[in-house]
Amino acid sequence: MDVLLILIPAALFLGLLGLAAFLWALRSGQFDDLDGAAHRILFDDPPPAKEPKP
């Protein structure tokens, strides 16, 4: 039972740490463009620009 005195605060701390990381990601715009990557993978990259001949 003594181990619960360590595990309960540790679990609460890790939970709060995860919540803080999620809120930071939410505020920094990590979830703003959810469809962009899904659409980008369908299109080919544009061909590289040709260098002018000297």
Protein backbone atom coordinates (compact mmCIF):
# COMPACT_ATOMS: atom_id res chain seq x y z
CA MET A 1 0.00 0.00 0.00
CA ASP A 2 2.97 2.31 0.48
CA VAL A 3 3.65 2.18 -3.25
CA LEU A 4 0.32 3.95 -3.85
CA LEU A 5 1.76 7.02 -2.15
CA ILE A 6 4.22 7.21 -5.03
CA LEU A 7 2.13 5.92 -7.93
CA ILE A 8 -0.93 8.15 -7.50
CA PRO A 9 1.00 11.47 -7.53
CA ALA A 10 3.20 10.17 -10.36
CA ALA A 11 0.12 9.26 -12.42
CA LEU A 12 -1.47 12.64 -11.74
CA PHE A 13 1.74 14.43 -12.68
CA LEU A 14 2.08 12.49 -15.95
CA GLY A 15 -1.58 13.11 -16.77
CA LEU A 16 -1.20 16.83 -16.21
CA LEU A 17 2.00 16.82 -18.24
CA GLY A 18 0.19 15.16 -21.14
CA LEU A 19 -2.69 17.62 -20.87
CA ALA A 20 -0.26 20.53 -20.90
CA ALA A 21 1.48 19.13 -24.00
CA PHE A 22 -1.88 18.73 -25.75
CA LEU A 23 -2.97 22.26 -24.90
CA TRP A 24 0.39 23.63 -26.08
CA ALA A 25 0.01 21.78 -29.40
CA LEU A 26 -3.54 23.06 -29.73
CA ARG A 27 -2.52 26.68 -29.17
CA SER A 28 0.54 26.51 -31.43
CA GLY A 29 -1.57 25.47 -34.44
CA GLN A 30 -0.61 21.82 -34.77
CA PHE A 31 -4.20 20.82 -35.58
CA ASP A 32 -5.16 23.70 -37.88
CA ASP A 33 -4.75 21.96 -41.24
CA LEU A 34 -5.97 18.39 -40.88
CA ASP A 35 -6.74 17.86 -44.57
CA GLY A 36 -3.61 19.43 -46.06
CA ALA A 37 -1.35 16.39 -45.77
CA ALA A 38 -4.09 14.09 -47.04
CA HIS A 39 -4.53 16.19 -50.17
CA ARG A 40 -0.81 16.87 -50.69
CA ILE A 41 0.04 13.20 -51.01
CA LEU A 42 -2.28 12.85 -54.01
CA PHE A 43 -0.43 15.37 -56.17
CA ASP A 44 3.02 15.05 -57.71
CA ASP A 45 5.77 17.49 -56.91
CA PRO A 46 6.28 20.17 -59.55
CA PRO A 47 9.22 19.49 -61.88
CA PRO A 48 12.46 21.25 -60.89
CA ALA A 49 13.14 24.56 -62.56
CA LYS A 50 15.55 24.39 -65.50
CA GLU A 51 18.81 26.23 -65.04
CA PRO A 52 19.61 28.81 -67.75
CA LYS A 53 22.40 27.85 -70.14
CA PRO A 54 25.54 30.00 -69.82
